[in-house]
C-alpha cells in the first residue's frame, strides 16, 4: 500500500492550484478589457461578442475558485498567513469578476453602437490611454500577487492616482466639448460611461494590490491611509 502524501504537501498543492487559477482568471479579465476597448475603437462586433463569451467563463471561475477556497478552509482549518492568503484569494476573484463586468459593459456598448449604426470619434484615443494604464495596473497587481511582492503592491496603490487623473481630465474635456457643441451630449455621455468603467477597473487592481499587503503583513490598509503610509515607509 502506497503512503499518502504528507498533509502539508497536500495543503500546499491545493493552495498552489487555486492561486494558479486566480492568475488564469486575471489573464482572461486583462484580455476582456483590451478586447472591449478594441471593439469600441474599431466598432468590431466580433470582438465585442468575444468579450461577452469570456464573461461567462470568468463568472464560472469565480464560483468554482470560491467553492474550492471554502472547502480548503473547512478541511484544513489554516491559520495565520495561510488563512490570510485564502481570504485574500476569495476577495481577489471578486474584484476580478467585477473588473470583467466593467469590460463586458464596454463591449455591450460597442455592440449596441454597431447595431444602431452610430459612430464613435470623440475621445476614444484618451480612453485608449486610460485603458492601457488600467490593464498595466491589473497585470502588475496579479504579478505582485503571484510573487507576494509587497513593494510592488505598494507601488501599484500609489500609482492608482494616475488613472483617477486621467478620468478627471477626460471629464473636463467632455464638459468643454458639450458646451461647444450640445449635439454631442449623447455620444459624450456614452464615453463618460466607458471612462468610469475604466476607472473602476483601476480601483479593482488597486484592491488586489492591497490584499497582497494584507497577506504579507496581516495589515488591512484599505481605506486606511495611516496604515498604508506605515507599510510604505518601512520598505
Protein backbone atom coordinates (compact mmCIF):
# COMPACT_ATOMS: atom_id res chain seq x y z
CA UNK A 1 0.00 0.00 0.00
CA UNK A 2 1.42 3.39 -1.00
CA UNK A 3 2.00 6.03 1.63
CA UNK A 4 -0.30 9.04 1.36
CA UNK A 5 1.40 12.40 0.77
CA UNK A 6 2.05 14.40 3.89
CA UNK A 7 -0.86 16.67 4.82
CA UNK A 8 1.24 19.81 4.49
CA UNK A 9 2.27 18.72 0.97
CA UNK A 10 -1.39 18.21 0.02
CA UNK A 11 -2.29 21.57 1.53
CA UNK A 12 0.48 23.35 -0.41
CA UNK A 13 -0.69 21.69 -3.62
CA UNK A 14 -4.28 22.82 -3.01
CA UNK A 15 -3.20 26.41 -2.35
CA UNK A 16 -0.92 26.43 -5.40
CA UNK A 17 -3.78 25.12 -7.53
CA UNK A 18 -6.23 27.87 -6.54
CA UNK A 19 -3.52 30.54 -6.80
CA UNK A 20 -2.69 29.40 -10.35
CA UNK A 21 -6.35 29.59 -11.32
CA UNK A 22 -6.62 33.11 -9.89
CA UNK A 23 -3.82 34.15 -12.26
CA UNK A 24 -5.56 32.40 -15.15
CA UNK A 25 -8.77 34.25 -14.31
CA UNK A 26 -6.84 37.51 -14.15
CA UNK A 27 -5.37 36.88 -17.59
CA UNK A 28 -8.85 36.41 -19.00
CA UNK A 29 -10.03 39.69 -17.47
CA UNK A 30 -6.99 41.50 -18.89
CA UNK A 31 -7.86 40.20 -22.36
CA UNK A 32 -11.51 41.21 -21.83
CA UNK A 33 -10.57 44.81 -21.18
CA UNK A 34 -8.17 45.00 -24.13
CA UNK A 35 -10.75 43.42 -26.44
CA UNK A 36 -13.60 45.64 -25.22
CA UNK A 37 -11.64 48.83 -25.93
CA UNK A 38 -10.59 47.42 -29.32
CA UNK A 39 -14.24 46.65 -30.06
CA UNK A 40 -15.23 50.22 -29.20
CA UNK A 41 -12.37 51.87 -31.05
CA UNK A 42 -12.83 49.84 -34.25
CA UNK A 43 -16.57 49.17 -33.87
CA UNK A 44 -15.77 45.47 -34.13
CA UNK A 45 -18.86 43.48 -33.17
CA UNK A 46 -16.99 40.15 -33.24
CA UNK A 47 -14.52 41.45 -30.64
CA UNK A 48 -17.43 42.64 -28.51
CA UNK A 49 -19.07 39.21 -28.71
CA UNK A 50 -15.80 37.54 -27.72
CA UNK A 51 -15.67 39.66 -24.55
CA UNK A 52 -19.22 38.66 -23.66
CA UNK A 53 -18.46 34.99 -24.22
CA UNK A 54 -15.40 35.21 -21.96
CA UNK A 55 -17.55 36.88 -19.30
CA UNK A 56 -19.44 33.62 -18.74
CA UNK A 57 -16.18 31.75 -18.20
CA UNK A 58 -14.88 34.39 -15.78
CA UNK A 59 -18.12 34.25 -13.78
CA UNK A 60 -17.91 30.46 -13.54
CA UNK A 61 -14.27 30.61 -12.46
CA UNK A 62 -15.20 32.92 -9.60
CA UNK A 63 -17.83 30.45 -8.39
CA UNK A 64 -15.54 27.43 -8.73
CA UNK A 65 -12.48 29.00 -7.07
CA UNK A 66 -14.56 30.40 -4.22
CA UNK A 67 -16.05 26.96 -3.62
CA UNK A 68 -12.59 25.38 -3.52
CA UNK A 69 -11.33 28.04 -1.09
CA UNK A 70 -14.28 27.38 1.21
CA UNK A 71 -13.58 23.64 1.12
CA UNK A 72 -9.88 24.14 1.85
CA UNK A 73 -10.65 26.35 4.86
CA UNK A 74 -13.20 23.87 6.18
CA UNK A 75 -10.97 20.85 5.64
CA UNK A 76 -7.55 22.23 6.61
CA UNK A 77 -8.53 24.91 9.14
CA UNK A 78 -5.49 27.04 8.23
CA UNK A 79 -4.17 29.76 10.49
CA UNK A 80 -2.08 32.92 10.20
CA UNK A 81 -0.64 33.64 6.74
CA UNK A 82 -2.26 30.65 5.02
CA UNK A 83 -5.69 31.78 6.18
CA UNK A 84 -4.97 35.35 5.09
CA UNK A 85 -3.93 34.07 1.67
CA UNK A 86 -7.15 32.11 1.21
CA UNK A 87 -9.29 35.05 2.37
CA UNK A 88 -7.38 37.34 0.01
CA UNK A 89 -7.89 34.90 -2.88
CA UNK A 90 -11.64 34.97 -2.27
CA UNK A 91 -11.68 38.76 -2.30
CA UNK A 92 -9.31 38.98 -5.28
CA UNK A 93 -11.53 36.85 -7.53
CA UNK A 94 -14.49 39.05 -6.58
CA UNK A 95 -12.53 42.08 -7.76
CA UNK A 96 -11.52 40.29 -10.95
CA UNK A 97 -15.11 39.30 -11.68
CA UNK A 98 -16.26 42.88 -11.19
CA UNK A 99 -13.47 44.18 -13.43
CA UNK A 100 -14.67 41.69 -16.04
CA UNK A 101 -18.19 43.04 -15.65
CA UNK A 102 -16.92 46.54 -16.47
CA UNK A 103 -15.18 45.24 -19.59
CA UNK A 104 -18.39 43.47 -20.61
CA UNK A 105 -20.35 46.72 -20.21
CA UNK A 106 -17.93 48.45 -22.58
CA UNK A 107 -18.32 45.57 -25.05
CA UNK A 108 -22.12 45.79 -24.89
CA UNK A 109 -21.91 49.49 -25.63
CA UNK A 110 -19.68 48.81 -28.64
CA UNK A 111 -22.12 46.15 -29.85
CA UNK A 112 -25.10 48.49 -29.45
CA UNK A 113 -23.33 51.30 -31.30
CA UNK A 114 -22.67 48.98 -34.25
CA UNK A 115 -26.22 47.62 -34.25
CA UNK A 116 -27.67 51.14 -34.10
CA UNK A 117 -25.45 52.34 -36.93
CA UNK A 118 -23.83 55.04 -34.79
CA UNK A 119 -20.19 56.19 -34.80
CA UNK A 120 -17.61 56.99 -32.15
CA UNK A 121 -14.93 59.52 -32.95
CA UNK A 122 -14.75 61.76 -29.90
CA UNK A 123 -12.43 61.00 -27.01
CA UNK A 124 -11.58 57.42 -27.95
CA UNK A 125 -7.81 58.00 -28.02
CA UNK A 126 -7.97 59.39 -24.47
CA UNK A 127 -9.93 56.34 -23.38
CA UNK A 128 -7.38 54.04 -25.03
CA UNK A 129 -4.62 55.62 -22.95
CA UNK A 130 -6.62 55.26 -19.74
CA UNK A 131 -7.44 51.64 -20.59
CA UNK A 132 -3.75 50.90 -21.22
CA UNK A 133 -2.97 52.25 -17.76
CA UNK A 134 -5.72 50.13 -16.20
CA UNK A 135 -4.50 46.99 -17.98
CA UNK A 136 -0.95 47.71 -16.81
CA UNK A 137 -2.15 48.16 -13.22
CA UNK A 138 -4.14 44.94 -13.33
CA UNK A 139 -1.20 42.99 -14.78
CA UNK A 140 1.16 44.38 -12.14
CA UNK A 141 -1.25 43.61 -9.31
CA UNK A 142 -1.55 39.99 -10.46
CA UNK A 143 2.23 39.73 -10.73
CA UNK A 144 2.56 41.14 -7.20
CA UNK A 145 0.02 38.55 -6.04
CA UNK A 146 1.91 35.72 -7.75
CA UNK A 147 5.19 36.71 -6.08
CA UNK A 148 3.64 38.14 -2.88
CA UNK A 149 5.73 41.22 -3.64
CA UNK A 150 4.84 43.81 -1.03
CA UNK A 151 6.97 46.56 -2.57
CA UNK A 152 5.32 46.13 -5.98
CA UNK A 153 1.90 46.19 -4.29
CA UNK A 154 2.72 49.50 -2.59
CA UNK A 155 3.83 50.98 -5.92
CA UNK A 156 0.53 49.92 -7.53
CA UNK A 157 -1.55 51.56 -4.81
CA UNK A 158 0.45 54.76 -5.11
CA UNK A 159 0.10 54.77 -8.91
CA UNK A 160 -3.70 54.48 -8.80
CA UNK A 161 -3.99 58.26 -8.84
CA UNK A 162 -2.72 58.25 -12.46
CA UNK A 163 -5.95 56.61 -13.64
CA UNK A 164 -8.01 58.93 -11.44
CA UNK A 165 -6.22 61.91 -13.01
CA UNK A 166 -6.98 60.54 -16.50
CA UNK A 167 -10.66 60.29 -15.60
CA UNK A 168 -10.76 63.82 -14.18
CA UNK A 169 -9.02 65.19 -17.28
CA UNK A 170 -11.40 63.35 -19.58
CA UNK A 171 -14.39 64.69 -17.63
CA UNK A 172 -13.17 68.25 -18.16
CA UNK A 173 -12.76 67.62 -21.90
CA UNK A 174 -16.28 66.20 -22.12
CA UNK A 175 -17.80 69.22 -20.38
CA UNK A 176 -15.91 71.61 -22.66
CA UNK A 177 -16.91 69.68 -25.79
CA UNK A 178 -20.59 69.54 -24.85
CA UNK A 179 -20.62 73.28 -24.09
CA UNK A 180 -19.15 73.96 -27.55
CA UNK A 181 -21.47 71.52 -29.35
CA UNK A 182 -24.55 70.40 -27.35
CA UNK A 183 -25.47 67.97 -30.15
CA UNK A 184 -22.69 65.66 -28.97
CA UNK A 185 -24.11 65.20 -25.48
CA UNK A 186 -25.44 61.68 -26.11
CA UNK A 187 -22.12 60.43 -27.52
CA UNK A 188 -20.11 62.11 -24.77
CA UNK A 189 -22.29 60.57 -22.05
CA UNK A 190 -21.52 57.17 -23.56
CA UNK A 191 -17.80 57.97 -23.47
CA UNK A 192 -18.11 59.09 -19.84
CA UNK A 193 -19.71 55.74 -19.09
CA UNK A 194 -16.68 53.98 -20.59
CA UNK A 195 -14.23 56.24 -18.75
CA UNK A 196 -15.92 55.45 -15.44
CA UNK A 197 -15.77 51.71 -16.18
CA UNK A 198 -12.02 52.01 -16.83
CA UNK A 199 -11.54 53.94 -13.58
CA UNK A 200 -13.36 51.18 -11.67
CA UNK A 201 -11.10 48.55 -13.23
CA UNK A 202 -8.13 50.54 -11.92
CA UNK A 203 -9.76 50.55 -8.49
CA UNK A 204 -10.11 46.76 -8.60
CA UNK A 205 -6.41 46.43 -9.48
CA UNK A 206 -5.58 48.64 -6.50
CA UNK A 207 -7.72 46.45 -4.23
CA UNK A 208 -5.86 43.33 -5.34
CA UNK A 209 -2.56 45.04 -4.51
CA UNK A 210 -3.92 45.95 -1.06
CA UNK A 211 -4.75 42.27 -0.48
CA UNK A 212 -1.11 41.40 -1.23
CA UNK A 213 -0.08 43.71 1.61
CA UNK A 214 -2.68 42.04 3.82
CA UNK A 215 -1.29 38.58 3.06
CA UNK A 216 2.31 39.58 3.77
CA UNK A 217 1.78 41.93 6.72
CA UNK A 218 -1.52 40.85 8.18
CA UNK A 219 -2.48 44.52 7.95
CA UNK A 220 -5.60 45.77 6.17
CA UNK A 221 -4.67 49.06 4.50
CA UNK A 222 -7.95 49.54 2.65
CA UNK A 223 -9.38 52.98 3.44
CA UNK A 224 -6.58 53.42 5.98
CA UNK A 225 -4.00 55.92 4.73
CA UNK A 226 -2.09 55.92 8.00
CA UNK A 227 -1.60 52.14 7.91
CA UNK A 228 -0.59 52.31 4.25
CA UNK A 229 1.98 55.05 4.94
CA UNK A 230 3.37 52.89 7.74
CA UNK A 231 3.87 49.99 5.33
CA UNK A 232 5.26 52.17 2.53
CA UNK A 233 7.64 53.90 4.92
CA UNK A 234 9.08 50.61 6.15
CA UNK A 235 10.13 49.40 2.68
